[in-house]
PDB file of N, CA and C in Angstrom:
ATOM      1  N   MET A   1     107.940 117.593 113.693  1.00  0.00           N
ATOM      2  CA  MET A   1     109.202 117.055 113.212  1.00  0.00           C
ATOM      3  C   MET A   1     110.328 117.837 113.865  1.00  0.00           C
ATOM      4  N   LYS A   2     111.538 117.279 113.769  1.00  0.00           N
ATOM      5  CA  LYS A   2     112.698 117.953 114.332  1.00  0.00           C
ATOM      6  C   LYS A   2     113.842 117.903 113.332  1.00  0.00           C
ATOM      7  N   CYS A   3     114.574 119.007 113.262  1.00  0.00           N
ATOM      8  CA  CYS A   3     115.738 119.101 112.388  1.00  0.00           C
ATOM      9  C   CYS A   3     116.969 118.659 113.182  1.00  0.00           C
ATOM     10  N   PRO A   4     117.596 117.544 112.812  1.00  0.00           N
ATOM     11  CA  PRO A   4     118.779 117.094 113.538  1.00  0.00           C
ATOM     12  C   PRO A   4     119.961 118.061 113.422  1.00  0.00           C
ATOM     13  N   GLU A   5     120.012 118.839 112.348  1.00  0.00           N
ATOM     14  CA  GLU A   5     121.120 119.774 112.170  1.00  0.00           C
ATOM     15  C   GLU A   5     121.074 120.912 113.181  1.00  0.00           C
ATOM     16  N   THR A   6     119.861 121.360 113.517  1.00  0.00           N
ATOM     17  CA  THR A   6     119.724 122.501 114.426  1.00  0.00           C
ATOM     18  C   THR A   6     119.161 122.116 115.789  1.00  0.00           C
ATOM     19  N   GLY A   7     118.535 120.937 115.890  1.00  0.00           N
ATOM     20  CA  GLY A   7     117.897 120.527 117.136  1.00  0.00           C
ATOM     21  C   GLY A   7     116.578 121.235 117.391  1.00  0.00           C
ATOM     22  N   ARG A   8     116.047 121.934 116.403  1.00  0.00           N
ATOM     23  CA  ARG A   8     114.817 122.706 116.566  1.00  0.00           C
ATOM     24  C   ARG A   8     113.633 121.953 115.951  1.00  0.00           C
ATOM     25  N   ILE A   9     112.467 122.084 116.592  1.00  0.00           N
ATOM     26  CA  ILE A   9     111.276 121.426 116.077  1.00  0.00           C
ATOM     27  C   ILE A   9     110.547 122.350 115.107  1.00  0.00           C
ATOM     28  N   TYR A  10     109.693 121.737 114.310  1.00  0.00           N
ATOM     29  CA  TYR A  10     108.842 122.511 113.411  1.00  0.00           C
ATOM     30  C   TYR A  10     107.555 121.751 113.160  1.00  0.00           C
ATOM     31  N   GLY A  11     106.522 122.490 112.844  1.00  0.00           N
ATOM     32  CA  GLY A  11     105.239 121.902 112.525  1.00  0.00           C
ATOM     33  C   GLY A  11     105.124 121.652 111.038  1.00  0.00           C
ATOM     34  N   VAL A  12     104.300 120.688 110.696  1.00  0.00           N
ATOM     35  CA  VAL A  12     104.050 120.369 109.295  1.00  0.00           C
ATOM     36  C   VAL A  12     102.547 120.208 109.111  1.00  0.00           C
ATOM     37  N   ARG A  13     101.999 120.952 108.175  1.00  0.00           N
ATOM     38  CA  ARG A  13     100.595 120.784 107.835  1.00  0.00           C
ATOM     39  C   ARG A  13     100.497 119.610 106.867  1.00  0.00           C
ATOM     40  N   ALA A  14      99.618 118.672 107.195  1.00  0.00           N
ATOM     41  CA  ALA A  14      99.394 117.508 106.342  1.00  0.00           C
ATOM     42  C   ALA A  14      97.930 117.476 105.951  1.00  0.00           C
ATOM     43  N   GLU A  15      97.675 117.177 104.689  1.00  0.00           N
ATOM     44  CA  GLU A  15      96.316 117.091 104.177  1.00  0.00           C
ATOM     45  C   GLU A  15      96.083 115.701 103.613  1.00  0.00           C
ATOM     46  N   GLU A  16      94.894 115.169 103.895  1.00  0.00           N
ATOM     47  CA  GLU A  16      94.521 113.873 103.337  1.00  0.00           C
ATOM     48  C   GLU A  16      93.863 114.091 101.978  1.00  0.00           C
ATOM     49  N   ARG A  17      94.352 113.361 101.001  1.00  0.00           N
ATOM     50  CA  ARG A  17      93.816 113.447  99.642  1.00  0.00           C
ATOM     51  C   ARG A  17      93.669 112.037  99.088  1.00  0.00           C
ATOM     52  N   ASN A  18      92.434 111.643  98.857  1.00  0.00           N
ATOM     53  CA  ASN A  18      92.148 110.315  98.297  1.00  0.00           C
ATOM     54  C   ASN A  18      92.789 109.184  99.090  1.00  0.00           C
ATOM     55  N   GLY A  19      92.764 109.288 100.407  1.00  0.00           N
ATOM     56  CA  GLY A  19      93.281 108.233 101.271  1.00  0.00           C
ATOM     57  C   GLY A  19      94.772 108.301 101.544  1.00  0.00           C
ATOM     58  N   ASP A  20      95.480 109.222 100.922  1.00  0.00           N
ATOM     59  CA  ASP A  20      96.907 109.396 101.174  1.00  0.00           C
ATOM     60  C   ASP A  20      97.132 110.739 101.857  1.00  0.00           C
ATOM     61  N   TRP A  21      98.226 110.841 102.596  1.00  0.00           N
ATOM     62  CA  TRP A  21      98.570 112.081 103.295  1.00  0.00           C
ATOM     63  C   TRP A  21      99.712 112.781 102.562  1.00  0.00           C
ATOM     64  N   TYR A  22      99.620 114.121 102.515  1.00  0.00           N
ATOM     65  CA  TYR A  22     100.639 114.934 101.860  1.00  0.00           C
ATOM     66  C   TYR A  22     101.058 116.079 102.764  1.00  0.00           C
ATOM     67  N   ARG A  23     102.368 116.277 102.867  1.00  0.00           N
ATOM     68  CA  ARG A  23     102.888 117.444 103.572  1.00  0.00           C
ATOM     69  C   ARG A  23     102.784 118.639 102.630  1.00  0.00           C
ATOM     70  N   THR A  24     102.122 119.706 103.104  1.00  0.00           N
ATOM     71  CA  THR A  24     101.886 120.849 102.236  1.00  0.00           C
ATOM     72  C   THR A  24     102.615 122.112 102.690  1.00  0.00           C
ATOM     73  N   TRP A  25     103.020 122.162 103.947  1.00  0.00           N
ATOM     74  CA  TRP A  25     103.671 123.369 104.457  1.00  0.00           C
ATOM     75  C   TRP A  25     104.364 123.053 105.765  1.00  0.00           C
ATOM     76  N   ALA A  26     105.558 123.591 105.962  1.00  0.00           N
ATOM     77  CA  ALA A  26     106.306 123.438 107.212  1.00  0.00           C
ATOM     78  C   ALA A  26     106.579 124.809 107.795  1.00  0.00           C
ATOM     79  N   PHE A  27     106.579 124.886 109.123  1.00  0.00           N
ATOM     80  CA  PHE A  27     106.726 126.184 109.781  1.00  0.00           C
ATOM     81  C   PHE A  27     107.417 126.021 111.127  1.00  0.00           C
ATOM     82  N   PRO A  28     108.238 126.987 111.515  1.00  0.00           N
ATOM     83  CA  PRO A  28     108.899 126.926 112.818  1.00  0.00           C
ATOM     84  C   PRO A  28     107.860 127.039 113.938  1.00  0.00           C
ATOM     85  N   ILE A  29     108.085 126.310 114.994  1.00  0.00           N
ATOM     86  CA  ILE A  29     107.207 126.389 116.167  1.00  0.00           C
ATOM     87  C   ILE A  29     108.009 125.933 117.377  1.00  0.00           C
ATOM     88  N   ASP A  30     107.714 126.494 118.541  1.00  0.00           N
ATOM     89  CA  ASP A  30     108.414 126.042 119.734  1.00  0.00           C
ATOM     90  C   ASP A  30     107.585 124.953 120.421  1.00  0.00           C
ATOM     91  N   ALA A  31     108.227 124.182 121.289  1.00  0.00           N
ATOM     92  CA  ALA A  31     107.591 123.027 121.925  1.00  0.00           C
ATOM     93  C   ALA A  31     106.365 123.416 122.732  1.00  0.00           C
ATOM     94  N   ARG A  32     106.428 124.515 123.426  1.00  0.00           N
ATOM     95  CA  ARG A  32     105.293 124.947 124.258  1.00  0.00           C
ATOM     96  C   ARG A  32     104.062 125.227 123.392  1.00  0.00           C
ATOM     97  N   ARG A  33     104.254 125.946 122.333  1.00  0.00           N
ATOM     98  CA  ARG A  33     103.125 126.263 121.452  1.00  0.00           C
ATOM     99  C   ARG A  33     102.602 125.011 120.761  1.00  0.00           C
ATOM    100  N   ALA A  34     103.494 124.137 120.320  1.00  0.00           N
ATOM    101  CA  ALA A  34     103.079 122.892 119.669  1.00  0.00           C
ATOM    102  C   ALA A  34     102.205 122.069 120.609  1.00  0.00           C
ATOM    103  N   SER A  35     102.584 122.005 121.872  1.00  0.00           N
ATOM    104  CA  SER A  35     101.810 121.251 122.855  1.00  0.00           C
ATOM    105  C   SER A  35     100.450 121.892 123.089  1.00  0.00           C
ATOM    106  N   SER A  36     100.407 123.222 123.203  1.00  0.00           N
ATOM    107  CA  SER A  36      99.132 123.907 123.445  1.00  0.00           C
ATOM    108  C   SER A  36      98.197 123.821 122.242  1.00  0.00           C
ATOM    109  N   GLU A  37      98.761 123.662 121.039  1.00  0.00           N
ATOM    110  CA  GLU A  37      97.948 123.530 119.830  1.00  0.00           C
ATOM    111  C   GLU A  37      97.447 122.098 119.634  1.00  0.00           C
ATOM    112  N   GLY A  38      97.965 121.161 120.432  1.00  0.00           N
ATOM    113  CA  GLY A  38      97.528 119.775 120.334  1.00  0.00           C
ATOM    114  C   GLY A  38      98.266 118.952 119.309  1.00  0.00           C
ATOM    115  N   PHE A  39      99.393 119.463 118.808  1.00  0.00           N
ATOM    116  CA  PHE A  39     100.148 118.710 117.809  1.00  0.00           C
ATOM    117  C   PHE A  39     100.673 117.389 118.367  1.00  0.00           C
ATOM    118  N   ASP A  40     100.833 117.309 119.682  1.00  0.00           N
ATOM    119  CA  ASP A  40     101.330 116.071 120.288  1.00  0.00           C
ATOM    120  C   ASP A  40     100.254 114.990 120.324  1.00  0.00           C
ATOM    121  N   ARG A  41      99.041 115.297 119.929  1.00  0.00           N
ATOM    122  CA  ARG A  41      97.948 114.324 119.917  1.00  0.00           C
ATOM    123  C   ARG A  41      97.531 113.938 118.497  1.00  0.00           C
ATOM    124  N   THR A  42      98.284 114.357 117.514  1.00  0.00           N
ATOM    125  CA  THR A  42      97.973 114.073 116.117  1.00  0.00           C
ATOM    126  C   THR A  42      98.503 112.702 115.734  1.00  0.00           C
ATOM    127  N   GLU A  43      97.721 111.979 114.942  1.00  0.00           N
ATOM    128  CA  GLU A  43      98.166 110.673 114.465  1.00  0.00           C
ATOM    129  C   GLU A  43      97.862 110.550 112.981  1.00  0.00           C
ATOM    130  N   ILE A  44      98.845 110.079 112.234  1.00  0.00           N
ATOM    131  CA  ILE A  44      98.690 109.856 110.798  1.00  0.00           C
ATOM    132  C   ILE A  44      99.135 108.432 110.501  1.00  0.00           C
ATOM    133  N   LYS A  45      98.309 107.706 109.761  1.00  0.00           N
ATOM    134  CA  LYS A  45      98.651 106.357 109.322  1.00  0.00           C
ATOM    135  C   LYS A  45      98.576 106.330 107.811  1.00  0.00           C
ATOM    136  N   GLY A  46      99.587 105.789 107.174  1.00  0.00           N
ATOM    137  CA  GLY A  46      99.609 105.680 105.715  1.00  0.00           C
ATOM    138  C   GLY A  46     100.813 106.383 105.128  1.00  0.00           C
ATOM    139  N   SER A  47     100.706 106.718 103.871  1.00  0.00           N
ATOM    140  CA  SER A  47     101.811 107.402 103.203  1.00  0.00           C
ATOM    141  C   SER A  47     101.856 108.855 103.669  1.00  0.00           C
ATOM    142  N   LEU A  48     103.010 109.468 103.571  1.00  0.00           N
ATOM    143  CA  LEU A  48     103.166 110.881 103.960  1.00  0.00           C
ATOM    144  C   LEU A  48     104.143 111.535 102.998  1.00  0.00           C
ATOM    145  N   ASP A  49     103.722 111.661 101.759  1.00  0.00           N
ATOM    146  CA  ASP A  49     104.540 112.272 100.717  1.00  0.00           C
ATOM    147  C   ASP A  49     104.443 113.790 100.844  1.00  0.00           C
ATOM    148  N   TYR A  50     105.077 114.518  99.954  1.00  0.00           N
ATOM    149  CA  TYR A  50     104.956 115.973  99.977  1.00  0.00           C
ATOM    150  C   TYR A  50     104.472 116.471  98.618  1.00  0.00           C
ATOM    151  N   THR A  51     103.789 117.614  98.653  1.00  0.00           N
ATOM    152  CA  THR A  51     103.298 118.227  97.424  1.00  0.00           C
ATOM    153  C   THR A  51     104.444 118.935  96.711  1.00  0.00           C
ATOM    154  N   GLU A  52     104.213 119.258  95.475  1.00  0.00           N
ATOM    155  CA  GLU A  52     105.240 119.919  94.661  1.00  0.00           C
ATOM    156  C   GLU A  52     105.689 121.250  95.270  1.00  0.00           C
ATOM    157  N   ASP A  53     104.776 121.962  95.898  1.00  0.00           N
ATOM    158  CA  ASP A  53     105.126 123.266  96.464  1.00  0.00           C
ATOM    159  C   ASP A  53     105.458 123.229  97.962  1.00  0.00           C
ATOM    160  N   TYR A  54     105.631 122.037  98.531  1.00  0.00           N
ATOM    161  CA  TYR A  54     106.025 121.911  99.937  1.00  0.00           C
ATOM    162  C   TYR A  54     107.372 122.594 100.151  1.00  0.00           C
ATOM    163  N   ASN A  55     107.468 123.454 101.158  1.00  0.00           N
ATOM    164  CA  ASN A  55     108.672 124.252 101.376  1.00  0.00           C
ATOM    165  C   ASN A  55     109.783 123.541 102.137  1.00  0.00           C
ATOM    166  N   GLY A  56     109.509 122.420 102.774  1.00  0.00           N
ATOM    167  CA  GLY A  56     110.538 121.667 103.490  1.00  0.00           C
ATOM    168  C   GLY A  56     110.858 122.248 104.857  1.00  0.00           C
ATOM    169  N   CYS A  57     111.862 121.678 105.484  1.00  0.00           N
ATOM    170  CA  CYS A  57     112.280 122.104 106.814  1.00  0.00           C
ATOM    171  C   CYS A  57     112.612 123.593 106.810  1.00  0.00           C
ATOM    172  N   PRO A  58     112.070 124.352 107.773  1.00  0.00           N
ATOM    173  CA  PRO A  58     112.361 125.783 107.800  1.00  0.00           C
ATOM    174  C   PRO A  58     113.806 126.109 108.186  1.00  0.00           C
ATOM    175  N   TYR A  59     114.569 125.116 108.610  1.00  0.00           N
ATOM    176  CA  TYR A  59     115.950 125.349 109.045  1.00  0.00           C
ATOM    177  C   TYR A  59     116.972 124.850 108.027  1.00  0.00           C
ATOM    178  N   CYS A  60     116.886 123.574 107.616  1.00  0.00           N
ATOM    179  CA  CYS A  60     117.880 123.037 106.670  1.00  0.00           C
ATOM    180  C   CYS A  60     117.334 122.932 105.242  1.00  0.00           C
ATOM    181  N   LYS A  61     116.042 123.158 105.071  1.00  0.00           N
ATOM    182  CA  LYS A  61     115.363 123.217 103.769  1.00  0.00           C
ATOM    183  C   LYS A  61     115.129 121.869 103.087  1.00  0.00           C
ATOM    184  N   THR A  62     115.538 120.759 103.691  1.00  0.00           N
ATOM    185  CA  THR A  62     115.298 119.465 103.058  1.00  0.00           C
ATOM    186  C   THR A  62     113.816 119.121 103.102  1.00  0.00           C
ATOM    187  N   LYS A  63     113.389 118.325 102.139  1.00  0.00           N
ATOM    188  CA  LYS A  63     111.995 117.901 102.075  1.00  0.00           C
ATOM    189  C   LYS A  63     111.820 116.448 102.491  1.00  0.00           C
ATOM    190  N   THR A  64     112.915 115.717 102.599  1.00  0.00           N
ATOM    191  CA  THR A  64     112.825 114.306 102.952  1.00  0.00           C
ATOM    192  C   THR A  64     112.844 114.137 104.467  1.00  0.00           C
ATOM    193  N   MET A  65     112.353 112.970 104.918  1.00  0.00           N
ATOM    194  CA  MET A  65     112.250 112.712 106.347  1.00  0.00           C
ATOM    195  C   MET A  65     112.555 111.255 106.630  1.00  0.00           C
ATOM    196  N   VAL A  66     112.785 110.978 107.902  1.00  0.00           N
ATOM    197  CA  VAL A  66     113.027 109.616 108.338  1.00  0.00           C
ATOM    198  C   VAL A  66     112.274 109.392 109.642  1.00  0.00           C
ATOM    199  N   LEU A  67     111.775 108.176 109.810  1.00  0.00           N
ATOM    200  CA  LEU A  67     111.049 107.777 111.008  1.00  0.00           C
ATOM    201  C   LEU A  67     111.985 106.951 111.875  1.00  0.00           C
ATOM    202  N   CYS A  68     112.186 107.369 113.110  1.00  0.00           N
ATOM    203  CA  CYS A  68     113.095 106.668 114.023  1.00  0.00           C
ATOM    204  C   CYS A  68     112.487 105.349 114.480  1.00  0.00           C
ATOM    205  N   SER A  69     113.277 104.291 114.444  1.00  0.00           N
ATOM    206  CA  SER A  69     112.796 102.973 114.866  1.00  0.00           C
ATOM    207  C   SER A  69     112.715 102.860 116.388  1.00  0.00           C
ATOM    208  N   ARG A  70     113.399 103.734 117.113  1.00  0.00           N
ATOM    209  CA  ARG A  70     113.354 103.690 118.574  1.00  0.00           C
ATOM    210  C   ARG A  70     112.189 104.512 119.132  1.00  0.00           C
ATOM    211  N   CYS A  71     112.133 105.792 118.793  1.00  0.00           N
ATOM    212  CA  CYS A  71     111.131 106.673 119.414  1.00  0.00           C
ATOM    213  C   CYS A  71     109.889 106.881 118.547  1.00  0.00           C
ATOM    214  N   GLY A  72     109.950 106.517 117.262  1.00  0.00           N
ATOM    215  CA  GLY A  72     108.791 106.636 116.396  1.00  0.00           C
ATOM    216  C   GLY A  72     108.480 108.050 115.944  1.00  0.00           C
ATOM    217  N   LYS A  73     109.436 108.952 116.075  1.00  0.00           N
ATOM    218  CA  LYS A  73     109.219 110.342 115.671  1.00  0.00           C
ATOM    219  C   LYS A  73     109.958 110.638 114.367  1.00  0.00           C
ATOM    220  N   LEU A  74     109.526 111.714 113.726  1.00  0.00           N
ATOM    221  CA  LEU A  74     110.090 112.097 112.439  1.00  0.00           C
ATOM    222  C   LEU A  74     111.163 113.164 112.579  1.00  0.00           C
ATOM    223  N   SER A  75     112.201 113.017 111.799  1.00  0.00           N
ATOM    224  CA  SER A  75     113.257 114.025 111.660  1.00  0.00           C
ATOM    225  C   SER A  75     113.475 114.250 110.176  1.00  0.00           C
ATOM    226  N   CYS A  76     113.916 115.445 109.819  1.00  0.00           N
ATOM    227  CA  CYS A  76     114.265 115.641 108.423  1.00  0.00           C
ATOM    228  C   CYS A  76     115.545 114.862 108.131  1.00  0.00           C
ATOM    229  N   TRP A  77     115.757 114.581 106.856  1.00  0.00           N
ATOM    230  CA  TRP A  77     116.847 113.707 106.433  1.00  0.00           C
ATOM    231  C   TRP A  77     117.457 114.242 105.154  1.00  0.00           C
ATOM    232  N   ASN A  78     118.763 114.382 105.151  1.00  0.00           N
ATOM    233  CA  ASN A  78     119.476 114.917 103.993  1.00  0.00           C
ATOM    234  C   ASN A  78     120.057 113.829 103.104  1.00  0.00           C
ATOM    235  N   ASN A  79     119.386 112.681 103.059  1.00  0.00           N
ATOM    236  CA  ASN A  79     119.751 111.556 102.185  1.00  0.00           C
ATOM    237  C   ASN A  79     121.119 110.960 102.495  1.00  0.00           C
ATOM    238  N   GLU A  80     121.560 111.085 103.737  1.00  0.00           N
ATOM    239  CA  GLU A  80     122.810 110.454 104.143  1.00  0.00           C
ATOM    240  C   GLU A  80     122.521 109.027 104.583  1.00  0.00           C
ATOM    241  N   GLU A  81     123.512 108.137 104.424  1.00  0.00           N
ATOM    242  CA  GLU A  81     123.315 106.739 104.781  1.00  0.00           C
ATOM    243  C   GLU A  81     123.125 106.565 106.287  1.00  0.00           C
ATOM    244  N   ARG A  82     123.877 107.317 107.092  1.00  0.00           N
ATOM    245  CA  ARG A  82     123.745 107.252 108.557  1.00  0.00           C
ATOM    246  C   ARG A  82     123.114 108.548 109.049  1.00  0.00           C
ATOM    247  N   ILE A  83     122.278 108.405 110.062  1.00  0.00           N
ATOM    248  CA  ILE A  83     121.581 109.562 110.619  1.00  0.00           C
ATOM    249  C   ILE A  83     121.495 109.417 112.128  1.00  0.00           C
ATOM    250  N   THR A  84     121.448 110.540 112.802  1.00  0.00           N
ATOM    251  CA  THR A  84     121.180 110.567 114.232  1.00  0.00           C
ATOM    252  C   THR A  84     119.812 111.201 114.419  1.00  0.00           C
ATOM    253  N   CYS A  85     118.926 110.508 115.127  1.00  0.00           N
ATOM    254  CA  CYS A  85     117.574 110.998 115.351  1.00  0.00           C
ATOM    255  C   CYS A  85     117.631 112.318 116.105  1.00  0.00           C
ATOM    256  N   GLY A  86     116.889 113.298 115.617  1.00  0.00           N
ATOM    257  CA  GLY A  86     116.829 114.598 116.255  1.00  0.00           C
ATOM    258  C   GLY A  86     116.135 114.559 117.607  1.00  0.00           C
ATOM    259  N   TRP A  87     115.353 113.524 117.868  1.00  0.00           N
ATOM    260  CA  TRP A  87     114.586 113.422 119.113  1.00  0.00           C
ATOM    261  C   TRP A  87     115.308 112.635 120.194  1.00  0.00           C
ATOM    262  N   CYS A  88     115.697 111.395 119.888  1.00  0.00           N
ATOM    263  CA  CYS A  88     116.239 110.525 120.946  1.00  0.00           C
ATOM    264  C   CYS A  88     117.742 110.290 120.847  1.00  0.00           C
ATOM    265  N   GLY A  89     118.352 110.711 119.742  1.00  0.00           N
ATOM    266  CA  GLY A  89     119.795 110.584 119.594  1.00  0.00           C
ATOM    267  C   GLY A  89     120.280 109.256 119.051  1.00  0.00           C
ATOM    268  N   LEU A  90     119.377 108.338 118.713  1.00  0.00           N
ATOM    269  CA  LEU A  90     119.784 107.056 118.137  1.00  0.00           C
ATOM    270  C   LEU A  90     120.498 107.307 116.815  1.00  0.00           C
ATOM    271  N   THR A  91     121.658 106.700 116.639  1.00  0.00           N
ATOM    272  CA  THR A  91     122.400 106.799 115.390  1.00  0.00           C
ATOM    273  C   THR A  91     122.361 105.451 114.698  1.00  0.00           C
ATOM    274  N   GLY A  92     122.095 105.464 113.394  1.00  0.00           N
ATOM    275  CA  GLY A  92     122.053 104.219 112.646  1.00  0.00           C
ATOM    276  C   GLY A  92     121.941 104.470 111.165  1.00  0.00           C
ATOM    277  N   ASP A  93     121.882 103.372 110.432  1.00  0.00           N
ATOM    278  CA  ASP A  93     121.747 103.423 108.988  1.00  0.00           C
ATOM    279  C   ASP A  93     120.275 103.533 108.616  1.00  0.00           C
ATOM    280  N   VAL A  94     119.995 104.249 107.556  1.00  0.00           N
ATOM    281  CA  VAL A  94     118.645 104.323 107.018  1.00  0.00           C
ATOM    282  C   VAL A  94     118.429 103.047 106.212  1.00  0.00           C
ATOM    283  N   LEU A  95     117.384 102.285 106.589  1.00  0.00           N
ATOM    284  CA  LEU A  95     117.172 100.988 105.971  1.00  0.00           C
ATOM    285  C   LEU A  95     116.162 101.003 104.844  1.00  0.00           C
ATOM    286  N   THR A  96     115.185 101.884 104.910  1.00  0.00           N
ATOM    287  CA  THR A  96     114.170 101.949 103.881  1.00  0.00           C
ATOM    288  C   THR A  96     113.751 103.398 103.685  1.00  0.00           C
ATOM    289  N   THR A  97     113.338 103.726 102.493  1.00  0.00           N
ATOM    290  CA  THR A  97     112.937 105.107 102.226  1.00  0.00           C
ATOM    291  C   THR A  97     111.518 105.201 101.695  1.00  0.00           C
ATOM    292  N   GLU A  98     110.809 104.078 101.661  1.00  0.00           N
ATOM    293  CA  GLU A  98     109.456 104.097 101.127  1.00  0.00           C
ATOM    294  C   GLU A  98     108.543 103.288 102.027  1.00  0.00           C
ATOM    295  N   GLY A  99     107.248 103.469 101.819  1.00  0.00           N
ATOM    296  CA  GLY A  99     106.277 102.668 102.526  1.00  0.00           C
ATOM    297  C   GLY A  99     105.412 103.492 103.450  1.00  0.00           C
ATOM    298  N   ASP A 100     104.443 102.822 104.032  1.00  0.00           N
ATOM    299  CA  ASP A 100     103.520 103.475 104.940  1.00  0.00           C
ATOM    300  C   ASP A 100     104.148 103.663 106.304  1.00  0.00           C
ATOM    301  N   ILE A 101     103.666 104.664 107.018  1.00  0.00           N
ATOM    302  CA  ILE A 101     104.154 104.953 108.354  1.00  0.00           C
ATOM    303  C   ILE A 101     102.980 105.104 109.305  1.00  0.00           C
ATOM    304  N   ASN A 102     103.272 105.016 110.567  1.00  0.00           N
ATOM    305  CA  ASN A 102     102.296 105.289 111.613  1.00  0.00           C
ATOM    306  C   ASN A 102     102.969 106.279 112.541  1.00  0.00           C
ATOM    307  N   VAL A 103     102.555 107.523 112.480  1.00  0.00           N
ATOM    308  CA  VAL A 103     103.174 108.587 113.263  1.00  0.00           C
ATOM    309  C   VAL A 103     102.162 109.097 114.261  1.00  0.00           C
ATOM    310  N   LYS A 104     102.551 109.125 115.519  1.00  0.00           N
ATOM    311  CA  LYS A 104     101.693 109.666 116.558  1.00  0.00           C
ATOM    312  C   LYS A 104     102.506 110.683 117.322  1.00  0.00           C
ATOM    313  N   GLY A 105     101.946 111.862 117.528  1.00  0.00           N
ATOM    314  CA  GLY A 105     102.637 112.913 118.284  1.00  0.00           C
ATOM    315  C   GLY A 105     102.970 112.430 119.682  1.00  0.00           C
ATOM    316  N   GLY A 106     103.952 113.068 120.283  1.00  0.00           N
ATOM    317  CA  GLY A 106     104.362 112.697 121.627  1.00  0.00           C
ATOM    318  C   GLY A 106     104.882 113.883 122.366  1.00  0.00           C
ATOM    319  N   SER A 107     105.499 113.643 123.493  1.00  0.00           N
ATOM    320  CA  SER A 107     106.010 114.743 124.305  1.00  0.00           C
ATOM    321  C   SER A 107     107.210 115.370 123.624  1.00  0.00           C
ATOM    322  N   TYR A 108     107.367 116.664 123.865  1.00  0.00           N
ATOM    323  CA  TYR A 108     108.476 117.400 123.278  1.00  0.00           C
ATOM    324  C   TYR A 108     109.539 117.485 124.294  1.00  0.00           C
TER     325      TYR A 108
END
């Protein structure tokens, strides 16, 4: 994921529980290390909620996220109506806040 406020990426540990995915921990990481760890090859399909003890973005501390309709990557979201994607720079209105997602890692 990427924090649009700081432009910095971070990793998120996700665990599958009973067919649903949950974010359990977020941690700072640089692009080079993320690529060498294989995070760019990870794919999650379905819900991606967070656990009660999820710490959120290591930079802005928010726990919510948004999926960009252009690049398909996740950025943290501070519940504002308009957002600029931390990855590709697309600016637009947030249209939905619920539902299943299909997230596949990509180049940093």
